[in-house]
Structure formats: structure tokens, C-alpha cells
Amino acid sequence: MQRILSSQLEYPGDGLYYLDGEPFSGVSYTLRDGWEKSETEIRQGLQWGTTKEWYEPGRPMREATFFKGVLHGRAREWHKNGQLAEDGEYEYGITLWEKSWDESGTLLDDFRLSEDDEDFQVLQEYRALYRKDSSA
């Protein structure tokens, strides 16, 4: 898989990452003082796979999984002190559940998608659409 510096990619605002005028597939990364600051998997110009960012080596800042450019799977962020700040799970960009904590670990918010939420119906439509696409 091709790995390139993020600064080599073009992002013209259409939602896609390009290299030499073509949608990029591979891994883009940034460096800070010689160490890897971030890493993003990209497929067909879209964030697709895992994205990771670090405060410094061994100290995670955020980690998330994407599918076709939207959050899909687990996403977590940490405070600088190492305490978990946010943790959640997403499907086709819709939040299934999400919790957030302050720097001392006190729970601030605890959200779960309910069947009454308007996003639940949208999620059902996405699920049906992708099931149909995968069976074709």
C-alpha cells in the first residue's frame, strides 16, 4: 500500500483526496519533529479504514474507523493526560452510542440511538441500501 505525506495530497473541497489529479488510495501521514503525528487510510479518494493521531509517540489523541468517508465503527479521543475523552460507535456516519468524560474521568454525556430518533430511520435506509448493493 502506498504511503505518502498528507501535504502531497490535494483536497479541493469535493470530499475526495487526490494525488496528481487522481483519487488517492493508500495511507497518508503527517510528521512532527521526525515522528509520525497522524496516519489516515484512504481508498478511492475517501477516508476508508483507520485514522490515528498522536499527541506524541505512544500517547494517542484520537482513533476512528471510516467507511466511504463517514465514521463507521469505533471512534475514540483522549485528553492530553491520557484519560478517555470520548468513545462511541458509528454506522454509516450515524451515532449508535457515544460517551464523553472530563479530564478527571467524570462522565459528562451518555447517548444511545433510540428507535424514536429520526436518525434511526435514516440508518435503516442505509442498512437496506448497502445490503442491496452487497447482494448485487
C-alpha atoms as a PDB file:
ATOM      1  CA  MET A   1       0.000   0.000   0.000  1.00  0.00           C
ATOM      2  CA  GLN A   2       1.376   3.390  -0.984  1.00  0.00           C
ATOM      3  CA  ARG A   3       2.319   5.733   1.889  1.00  0.00           C
ATOM      4  CA  ILE A   4       2.748   9.447   1.278  1.00  0.00           C
ATOM      5  CA  LEU A   5       2.913  12.648   3.278  1.00  0.00           C
ATOM      6  CA  SER A   6      -0.507  14.271   3.642  1.00  0.00           C
ATOM      7  CA  SER A   7       0.945  17.503   2.263  1.00  0.00           C
ATOM      8  CA  GLN A   8       1.361  15.761  -1.122  1.00  0.00           C
ATOM      9  CA  LEU A   9      -2.402  15.262  -1.421  1.00  0.00           C
ATOM     10  CA  GLU A  10      -4.826  17.768  -2.859  1.00  0.00           C
ATOM     11  CA  TYR A  11      -8.188  18.293  -1.146  1.00  0.00           C
ATOM     12  CA  PRO A  12     -10.166  20.665  -3.387  1.00  0.00           C
ATOM     13  CA  GLY A  13     -13.354  20.572  -1.309  1.00  0.00           C
ATOM     14  CA  ASP A  14     -15.318  17.924  -3.191  1.00  0.00           C
ATOM     15  CA  GLY A  15     -14.775  15.434  -0.355  1.00  0.00           C
ATOM     16  CA  LEU A  16     -12.001  13.487  -2.115  1.00  0.00           C
ATOM     17  CA  TYR A  17      -8.225  13.346  -1.652  1.00  0.00           C
ATOM     18  CA  TYR A  18      -6.218  13.453  -4.886  1.00  0.00           C
ATOM     19  CA  LEU A  19      -2.660  12.669  -5.906  1.00  0.00           C
ATOM     20  CA  ASP A  20      -1.599  14.005  -9.306  1.00  0.00           C
ATOM     21  CA  GLY A  21      -5.234  14.666 -10.244  1.00  0.00           C
ATOM     22  CA  GLU A  22      -6.457  11.128  -9.462  1.00  0.00           C
ATOM     23  CA  PRO A  23      -8.381   9.938  -6.372  1.00  0.00           C
ATOM     24  CA  PHE A  24      -5.749   8.580  -3.985  1.00  0.00           C
ATOM     25  CA  SER A  25      -5.702   5.084  -2.468  1.00  0.00           C
ATOM     26  CA  GLY A  26      -3.169   4.313   0.232  1.00  0.00           C
ATOM     27  CA  VAL A  27      -2.055   5.815   3.538  1.00  0.00           C
ATOM     28  CA  SER A  28      -1.374   9.481   4.147  1.00  0.00           C
ATOM     29  CA  TYR A  29       0.601  10.605   7.168  1.00  0.00           C
ATOM     30  CA  THR A  30       1.982  13.699   8.844  1.00  0.00           C
ATOM     31  CA  LEU A  31       5.287  14.075  10.647  1.00  0.00           C
ATOM     32  CA  ARG A  32       6.290  16.228  13.597  1.00  0.00           C
ATOM     33  CA  ASP A  33       9.927  16.504  14.657  1.00  0.00           C
ATOM     34  CA  GLY A  34      10.704  13.217  12.908  1.00  0.00           C
ATOM     35  CA  TRP A  35       7.895  11.092  14.390  1.00  0.00           C
ATOM     36  CA  GLU A  36       4.542  10.165  12.873  1.00  0.00           C
ATOM     37  CA  LYS A  37       1.841  12.557  14.120  1.00  0.00           C
ATOM     38  CA  SER A  38      -1.083  11.067  12.175  1.00  0.00           C
ATOM     39  CA  GLU A  39      -1.973   8.293   9.757  1.00  0.00           C
ATOM     40  CA  THR A  40      -5.094   8.006   7.581  1.00  0.00           C
ATOM     41  CA  GLU A  41      -6.193   5.144   5.338  1.00  0.00           C
ATOM     42  CA  ILE A  42      -7.721   6.368   2.081  1.00  0.00           C
ATOM     43  CA  ARG A  43      -9.448   4.404  -0.665  1.00  0.00           C
ATOM     44  CA  GLN A  44     -10.763   5.862  -3.926  1.00  0.00           C
ATOM     45  CA  GLY A  45     -10.085   9.332  -2.516  1.00  0.00           C
ATOM     46  CA  LEU A  46     -12.179   8.801   0.646  1.00  0.00           C
ATOM     47  CA  GLN A  47     -11.206   8.180   4.247  1.00  0.00           C
ATOM     48  CA  TRP A  48     -11.795   4.446   4.413  1.00  0.00           C
ATOM     49  CA  GLY A  49     -10.297   2.425   7.226  1.00  0.00           C
ATOM     50  CA  THR A  50      -8.478   3.615  10.329  1.00  0.00           C
ATOM     51  CA  THR A  51      -7.370   7.146  11.115  1.00  0.00           C
ATOM     52  CA  LYS A  52      -4.996   7.685  14.039  1.00  0.00           C
ATOM     53  CA  GLU A  53      -3.452  10.772  15.597  1.00  0.00           C
ATOM     54  CA  TRP A  54      -0.989  11.085  18.487  1.00  0.00           C
ATOM     55  CA  TYR A  55      -0.046  13.874  20.908  1.00  0.00           C
ATOM     56  CA  GLU A  56       3.446  12.392  20.866  1.00  0.00           C
ATOM     57  CA  PRO A  57       4.835   8.872  20.330  1.00  0.00           C
ATOM     58  CA  GLY A  58       2.859   6.388  22.432  1.00  0.00           C
ATOM     59  CA  ARG A  59       0.236   8.973  23.514  1.00  0.00           C
ATOM     60  CA  PRO A  60      -2.926   8.648  21.406  1.00  0.00           C
ATOM     61  CA  MET A  61      -5.095  11.678  20.646  1.00  0.00           C
ATOM     62  CA  ARG A  62      -7.774  10.029  18.502  1.00  0.00           C
ATOM     63  CA  GLU A  63      -8.523   6.868  16.588  1.00  0.00           C
ATOM     64  CA  ALA A  64     -11.512   6.305  14.320  1.00  0.00           C
ATOM     65  CA  THR A  65     -12.731   3.992  11.584  1.00  0.00           C
ATOM     66  CA  PHE A  66     -14.284   5.303   8.372  1.00  0.00           C
ATOM     67  CA  PHE A  67     -16.269   3.772   5.509  1.00  0.00           C
ATOM     68  CA  LYS A  68     -16.619   5.721   2.273  1.00  0.00           C
ATOM     69  CA  GLY A  69     -15.719   8.976   4.033  1.00  0.00           C
ATOM     70  CA  VAL A  70     -18.002   8.734   7.090  1.00  0.00           C
ATOM     71  CA  LEU A  71     -17.499   7.375  10.591  1.00  0.00           C
ATOM     72  CA  HIS A  72     -18.288   3.681  10.635  1.00  0.00           C
ATOM     73  CA  GLY A  73     -17.196   1.621  13.622  1.00  0.00           C
ATOM     74  CA  ARG A  74     -15.417   2.692  16.781  1.00  0.00           C
ATOM     75  CA  ALA A  75     -14.097   6.208  17.384  1.00  0.00           C
ATOM     76  CA  ARG A  76     -12.196   7.352  20.468  1.00  0.00           C
ATOM     77  CA  GLU A  77     -10.456  10.521  21.648  1.00  0.00           C
ATOM     78  CA  TRP A  78      -8.219  11.058  24.649  1.00  0.00           C
ATOM     79  CA  HIS A  79      -7.384  14.066  26.793  1.00  0.00           C
ATOM     80  CA  LYS A  80      -3.713  15.082  26.945  1.00  0.00           C
ATOM     81  CA  ASN A  81      -3.450  13.442  30.385  1.00  0.00           C
ATOM     82  CA  GLY A  82      -4.357  10.061  28.835  1.00  0.00           C
ATOM     83  CA  GLN A  83      -7.915   9.963  30.190  1.00  0.00           C
ATOM     84  CA  LEU A  84     -10.502   8.837  27.640  1.00  0.00           C
ATOM     85  CA  ALA A  85     -12.444  11.913  26.444  1.00  0.00           C
ATOM     86  CA  GLU A  86     -14.930  10.359  24.002  1.00  0.00           C
ATOM     87  CA  ASP A  87     -15.834   6.843  22.948  1.00  0.00           C
ATOM     88  CA  GLY A  88     -18.509   5.862  20.506  1.00  0.00           C
ATOM     89  CA  GLU A  89     -19.681   3.608  17.747  1.00  0.00           C
ATOM     90  CA  TYR A  90     -20.991   4.782  14.395  1.00  0.00           C
ATOM     91  CA  GLU A  91     -22.660   3.210  11.403  1.00  0.00           C
ATOM     92  CA  TYR A  92     -22.716   4.984   8.032  1.00  0.00           C
ATOM     93  CA  GLY A  93     -21.964   8.262   9.840  1.00  0.00           C
ATOM     94  CA  ILE A  94     -24.802   7.908  12.362  1.00  0.00           C
ATOM     95  CA  THR A  95     -24.018   7.762  16.073  1.00  0.00           C
ATOM     96  CA  LEU A  96     -25.167   4.461  17.613  1.00  0.00           C
ATOM     97  CA  TRP A  97     -23.808   5.350  21.047  1.00  0.00           C
ATOM     98  CA  GLU A  98     -21.353   7.861  22.435  1.00  0.00           C
ATOM     99  CA  LYS A  99     -19.972   8.753  25.851  1.00  0.00           C
ATOM    100  CA  SER A 100     -17.789  11.659  26.910  1.00  0.00           C
ATOM    101  CA  TRP A 101     -15.734  12.295  30.043  1.00  0.00           C
ATOM    102  CA  ASP A 102     -13.860  15.237  31.515  1.00  0.00           C
ATOM    103  CA  GLU A 103     -10.105  15.112  32.203  1.00  0.00           C
ATOM    104  CA  SER A 104     -10.666  13.550  35.639  1.00  0.00           C
ATOM    105  CA  GLY A 105     -12.835  10.731  34.249  1.00  0.00           C
ATOM    106  CA  THR A 106     -16.252  12.072  35.259  1.00  0.00           C
ATOM    107  CA  LEU A 107     -18.939  11.022  32.777  1.00  0.00           C
ATOM    108  CA  LEU A 108     -20.363  14.104  31.041  1.00  0.00           C
ATOM    109  CA  ASP A 109     -22.673  12.605  28.440  1.00  0.00           C
ATOM    110  CA  ASP A 110     -24.059   9.176  27.563  1.00  0.00           C
ATOM    111  CA  PHE A 111     -26.026   8.952  24.304  1.00  0.00           C
ATOM    112  CA  ARG A 112     -27.670   5.912  22.719  1.00  0.00           C
ATOM    113  CA  LEU A 113     -29.604   5.975  19.479  1.00  0.00           C
ATOM    114  CA  SER A 114     -33.225   5.014  20.086  1.00  0.00           C
ATOM    115  CA  GLU A 115     -35.830   3.787  17.637  1.00  0.00           C
ATOM    116  CA  ASP A 116     -37.690   7.077  18.216  1.00  0.00           C
ATOM    117  CA  ASP A 117     -34.751   9.138  16.940  1.00  0.00           C
ATOM    118  CA  GLU A 118     -35.133  10.403  13.351  1.00  0.00           C
ATOM    119  CA  ASP A 119     -31.585   9.177  12.609  1.00  0.00           C
ATOM    120  CA  PHE A 120     -32.746   5.629  13.370  1.00  0.00           C
ATOM    121  CA  GLN A 121     -34.956   5.622  10.262  1.00  0.00           C
ATOM    122  CA  VAL A 122     -32.095   7.021   8.163  1.00  0.00           C
ATOM    123  CA  LEU A 123     -29.863   4.247   9.499  1.00  0.00           C
ATOM    124  CA  GLN A 124     -32.416   1.613   8.494  1.00  0.00           C
ATOM    125  CA  GLU A 125     -32.454   3.055   4.976  1.00  0.00           C
ATOM    126  CA  TYR A 126     -28.634   2.974   4.768  1.00  0.00           C
ATOM    127  CA  ARG A 127     -28.580  -0.622   6.002  1.00  0.00           C
ATOM    128  CA  ALA A 128     -31.124  -1.667   3.366  1.00  0.00           C
ATOM    129  CA  LEU A 129     -29.233   0.191   0.651  1.00  0.00           C
ATOM    130  CA  TYR A 130     -25.879  -1.389   1.499  1.00  0.00           C
ATOM    131  CA  ARG A 131     -27.425  -4.864   1.882  1.00  0.00           C
ATOM    132  CA  LYS A 132     -28.899  -4.455  -1.592  1.00  0.00           C
ATOM    133  CA  ASP A 133     -25.529  -3.274  -3.011  1.00  0.00           C
ATOM    134  CA  SER A 134     -23.630  -6.170  -1.450  1.00  0.00           C
ATOM    135  CA  SER A 135     -26.060  -8.782  -2.791  1.00  0.00           C
ATOM    136  CA  ALA A 136     -25.980  -7.465  -6.366  1.00  0.00           C
END
